[in-house]
N, C-alpha and C. Protein backbone atom coordinates (compact mmCIF):
# COMPACT_ATOMS: atom_id res chain seq x y z
N UNK A 1 0.84 -1.20 0.00
CA UNK A 1 -0.01 -0.07 0.02
C UNK A 1 0.89 1.26 0.01
N UNK A 2 1.99 1.24 0.73
CA UNK A 2 2.80 2.40 0.86
C UNK A 2 3.48 2.63 -0.51
N UNK A 3 3.79 1.57 -1.26
CA UNK A 3 4.39 1.67 -2.50
C UNK A 3 3.39 2.33 -3.56
N UNK A 4 2.19 1.97 -3.49
CA UNK A 4 1.16 2.61 -4.31
C UNK A 4 0.99 4.10 -4.08
N UNK A 5 1.03 4.41 -2.82
CA UNK A 5 0.90 5.83 -2.51
C UNK A 5 2.21 6.66 -2.91
N UNK A 6 3.33 5.96 -2.77
CA UNK A 6 4.59 6.70 -3.20
C UNK A 6 4.60 6.92 -4.65
N UNK A 7 4.13 5.77 -5.45
CA UNK A 7 4.05 5.86 -6.84
C UNK A 7 3.16 6.95 -7.35
N UNK A 8 1.94 7.05 -6.67
CA UNK A 8 0.97 7.99 -7.01
C UNK A 8 1.50 9.43 -6.77
N UNK A 9 2.17 9.63 -5.67
CA UNK A 9 2.79 10.97 -5.43
C UNK A 9 3.82 11.33 -6.41
N UNK A 10 4.68 10.36 -6.76
CA UNK A 10 5.66 10.61 -7.75
C UNK A 10 5.07 10.95 -9.12
N UNK A 11 3.96 10.28 -9.44
CA UNK A 11 3.28 10.58 -10.69
C UNK A 11 2.68 11.99 -10.67
N UNK A 12 2.05 12.39 -9.55
CA UNK A 12 1.46 13.72 -9.44
C UNK A 12 2.63 14.78 -9.58
N UNK A 13 3.75 14.55 -8.92
CA UNK A 13 4.77 15.59 -8.86
C UNK A 13 5.33 15.65 -10.36
N UNK A 14 5.48 14.55 -11.04
CA UNK A 14 5.92 14.62 -12.44
C UNK A 14 5.01 15.31 -13.26
N UNK A 15 3.67 15.23 -13.14
CA UNK A 15 2.68 15.89 -13.78
C UNK A 15 2.71 17.39 -13.55
N UNK A 16 2.96 17.72 -12.31
CA UNK A 16 3.03 19.09 -11.88
C UNK A 16 4.24 19.78 -12.58
N UNK A 17 5.41 19.08 -12.60
CA UNK A 17 6.61 19.59 -13.23
C UNK A 17 6.37 19.85 -14.75
N UNK A 18 5.76 18.82 -15.31
CA UNK A 18 5.57 18.86 -16.73
C UNK A 18 4.64 20.05 -17.13
N UNK A 19 3.64 20.25 -16.32
CA UNK A 19 2.65 21.30 -16.53
C UNK A 19 3.37 22.59 -16.44
N UNK A 20 4.22 22.84 -15.50
CA UNK A 20 4.95 24.03 -15.28
C UNK A 20 5.89 24.41 -16.36
N UNK A 21 6.48 23.39 -17.09
CA UNK A 21 7.41 23.54 -18.22
C UNK A 21 6.64 24.01 -19.39
N UNK A 22 5.34 23.89 -19.47
CA UNK A 22 4.64 24.35 -20.68
C UNK A 22 4.32 25.88 -20.67
N UNK A 23 4.60 26.46 -19.55
CA UNK A 23 4.18 27.88 -19.30
C UNK A 23 5.21 28.72 -20.13
N UNK A 24 4.80 29.51 -21.04
CA UNK A 24 5.76 30.37 -21.71
C UNK A 24 5.60 31.82 -21.25
N UNK A 25 6.77 32.38 -21.06
CA UNK A 25 6.74 33.82 -20.71
C UNK A 25 7.18 34.66 -21.91
N UNK A 26 6.27 34.97 -22.73
CA UNK A 26 6.53 35.64 -23.94
C UNK A 26 6.79 37.16 -23.68
N UNK A 27 7.95 37.58 -24.20
CA UNK A 27 8.37 38.97 -24.07
C UNK A 27 7.82 39.71 -25.21
N UNK A 28 7.20 40.93 -24.95
CA UNK A 28 6.66 41.71 -26.06
C UNK A 28 7.88 42.19 -26.93
N UNK A 29 7.51 42.36 -28.26
CA UNK A 29 8.53 42.87 -29.18
C UNK A 29 9.00 44.29 -28.75
N UNK A 30 10.22 44.50 -28.95
CA UNK A 30 10.86 45.82 -28.64
C UNK A 30 10.40 46.90 -29.78
N UNK A 31 9.76 47.99 -29.22
CA UNK A 31 9.28 49.09 -29.99
C UNK A 31 10.44 50.14 -30.00
N UNK A 32 10.70 50.78 -31.12
CA UNK A 32 11.78 51.82 -31.11
C UNK A 32 11.01 53.24 -31.14
N UNK A 33 11.45 54.02 -30.14
CA UNK A 33 10.75 55.38 -30.07
C UNK A 33 11.22 56.24 -31.15
N UNK A 34 10.21 57.00 -31.60
CA UNK A 34 10.40 58.20 -32.44
C UNK A 34 9.50 59.31 -31.89
N UNK A 35 9.79 60.51 -32.45
CA UNK A 35 8.90 61.64 -31.94
C UNK A 35 7.42 61.48 -32.21
N UNK A 36 7.10 60.64 -33.16
CA UNK A 36 5.78 60.41 -33.59
C UNK A 36 5.12 59.22 -32.76
N UNK A 37 5.82 58.61 -31.93
CA UNK A 37 5.32 57.53 -31.12
C UNK A 37 4.26 57.97 -30.09
N UNK A 38 3.11 57.40 -30.19
CA UNK A 38 2.09 57.65 -29.25
C UNK A 38 2.15 56.83 -27.99
N UNK A 39 2.56 57.38 -26.93
CA UNK A 39 2.78 56.66 -25.73
C UNK A 39 1.58 56.64 -24.81
N UNK A 40 1.22 55.45 -24.27
CA UNK A 40 0.23 55.22 -23.26
C UNK A 40 0.87 54.47 -22.10
N UNK A 41 1.43 55.19 -21.20
CA UNK A 41 2.15 54.59 -20.10
C UNK A 41 1.36 54.73 -18.83
N UNK A 42 0.84 53.55 -18.32
CA UNK A 42 0.18 53.66 -17.09
C UNK A 42 1.05 53.25 -15.91
N UNK A 43 2.07 52.33 -16.14
CA UNK A 43 2.80 51.90 -15.06
C UNK A 43 4.16 51.52 -15.64
N UNK A 44 5.30 52.09 -15.10
CA UNK A 44 6.62 51.67 -15.54
C UNK A 44 7.03 50.50 -14.67
N UNK A 45 7.44 49.37 -15.39
CA UNK A 45 7.81 48.19 -14.82
C UNK A 45 9.33 48.09 -14.49
N UNK A 46 10.16 48.53 -15.55
CA UNK A 46 11.59 48.44 -15.46
C UNK A 46 12.26 49.46 -16.34
N UNK A 47 13.35 50.04 -15.89
CA UNK A 47 14.20 50.90 -16.73
C UNK A 47 15.57 50.33 -16.71
N UNK A 48 16.17 50.12 -17.89
CA UNK A 48 17.51 49.62 -18.09
C UNK A 48 18.56 50.63 -17.50
N UNK A 49 19.69 50.08 -17.03
CA UNK A 49 20.71 51.02 -16.51
C UNK A 49 21.28 51.81 -17.67
N UNK A 50 21.72 52.96 -17.40
CA UNK A 50 22.43 53.80 -18.41
C UNK A 50 23.92 53.74 -18.23
N UNK A 51 24.65 53.48 -19.36
CA UNK A 51 26.07 53.28 -19.26
C UNK A 51 26.75 54.54 -18.75
N UNK A 52 27.91 54.39 -18.17
CA UNK A 52 28.78 55.51 -17.69
C UNK A 52 29.71 55.95 -18.77
N UNK A 53 29.16 56.46 -19.94
CA UNK A 53 30.02 56.95 -21.00
C UNK A 53 29.48 58.36 -21.30
N UNK A 54 30.27 59.16 -22.04
CA UNK A 54 29.82 60.46 -22.43
C UNK A 54 29.45 60.42 -23.90
N UNK A 55 28.33 59.75 -24.14
CA UNK A 55 27.79 59.63 -25.48
C UNK A 55 26.30 59.20 -25.42
N UNK A 56 25.72 59.25 -26.51
CA UNK A 56 24.27 58.79 -26.64
C UNK A 56 24.29 57.25 -26.67
N UNK A 57 23.41 56.75 -25.76
CA UNK A 57 23.40 55.19 -25.65
C UNK A 57 21.97 54.80 -25.70
N UNK A 58 21.70 53.56 -26.12
CA UNK A 58 20.33 53.10 -26.14
C UNK A 58 19.91 52.66 -24.69
N UNK A 59 18.57 52.87 -24.33
CA UNK A 59 18.09 52.41 -23.12
C UNK A 59 16.75 51.78 -23.39
N UNK A 60 16.26 50.96 -22.39
CA UNK A 60 15.01 50.31 -22.54
C UNK A 60 14.12 50.58 -21.44
N UNK A 61 12.78 50.74 -21.72
CA UNK A 61 11.80 50.88 -20.63
C UNK A 61 10.78 49.76 -20.87
N UNK A 62 10.39 49.00 -19.86
CA UNK A 62 9.31 48.08 -19.88
C UNK A 62 8.18 48.70 -19.07
N UNK A 63 6.95 48.82 -19.69
CA UNK A 63 5.94 49.44 -19.12
C UNK A 63 4.51 48.70 -19.50
N UNK A 64 3.50 49.07 -18.71
CA UNK A 64 2.16 48.56 -19.10
C UNK A 64 1.27 49.77 -19.44
N UNK A 65 0.46 49.64 -20.50
CA UNK A 65 -0.44 50.61 -20.93
C UNK A 65 -1.71 50.63 -20.05
N UNK A 66 -2.62 51.51 -20.33
CA UNK A 66 -3.85 51.51 -19.55
C UNK A 66 -4.83 50.31 -19.70
N UNK A 67 -4.54 49.53 -20.67
CA UNK A 67 -5.28 48.28 -20.85
C UNK A 67 -4.57 47.05 -20.23
N UNK A 68 -3.42 47.30 -19.61
CA UNK A 68 -2.69 46.22 -19.05
C UNK A 68 -1.73 45.52 -19.88
N UNK A 69 -1.62 45.92 -21.15
CA UNK A 69 -0.66 45.29 -22.09
C UNK A 69 0.71 45.71 -21.77
N UNK A 70 1.72 44.77 -21.87
CA UNK A 70 3.06 45.11 -21.51
C UNK A 70 3.84 45.47 -22.79
N UNK A 71 4.69 46.48 -22.75
CA UNK A 71 5.44 47.03 -23.89
C UNK A 71 6.86 47.11 -23.47
N UNK A 72 7.78 47.01 -24.41
CA UNK A 72 9.20 47.35 -24.21
C UNK A 72 9.58 48.45 -25.25
N UNK A 73 10.08 49.50 -24.72
CA UNK A 73 10.38 50.71 -25.63
C UNK A 73 11.84 50.88 -25.57
N UNK A 74 12.50 50.98 -26.68
CA UNK A 74 13.86 51.34 -26.75
C UNK A 74 14.06 52.77 -27.21
N UNK A 75 14.86 53.56 -26.57
CA UNK A 75 15.02 54.99 -26.89
C UNK A 75 16.48 55.38 -26.61
N UNK A 76 16.89 56.57 -27.05
CA UNK A 76 18.26 57.05 -26.83
C UNK A 76 18.34 58.03 -25.66
N UNK A 77 19.42 57.90 -24.93
CA UNK A 77 19.66 58.79 -23.83
C UNK A 77 21.10 59.16 -23.74
N UNK A 78 21.42 60.25 -23.13
CA UNK A 78 22.78 60.58 -22.87
C UNK A 78 23.41 59.87 -21.78
N UNK A 79 24.58 59.18 -21.92
CA UNK A 79 25.16 58.44 -20.90
C UNK A 79 25.46 59.22 -19.63
N UNK A 80 25.71 58.54 -18.57
CA UNK A 80 26.08 59.17 -17.22
C UNK A 80 27.46 59.46 -17.02
N UNK A 81 28.36 59.39 -18.05
CA UNK A 81 29.79 59.57 -17.88
C UNK A 81 30.32 60.99 -18.15
N UNK A 82 29.45 61.98 -18.48
CA UNK A 82 29.84 63.30 -18.78
C UNK A 82 30.12 64.04 -17.62
N UNK A 83 31.10 64.90 -17.56
CA UNK A 83 31.40 65.85 -16.50
C UNK A 83 31.39 67.32 -17.07
N UNK A 84 31.10 68.22 -16.16
CA UNK A 84 31.15 69.60 -16.53
C UNK A 84 32.37 70.36 -16.05
N UNK A 85 33.50 69.86 -16.43
CA UNK A 85 34.74 70.48 -15.89
C UNK A 85 35.87 70.23 -16.65
């Protein structure tokens, strides 16, 4: 009887692991910002770090719009490595 219970538990755990592996976490396509881009930002999820260089570098922002759809926006920013001296 104990063996049957052990086999049943192992079968259930295998099913649970298999079910979890089928979950896909699709990333939204990266959108490139232009001045004509119509932004609908309800909540910022993540901002990429900006490089410590004195040049224009790409940055990414992950956000949700007012309908709850997730977006990734790539845009250009000035790096953090410039000094005024």
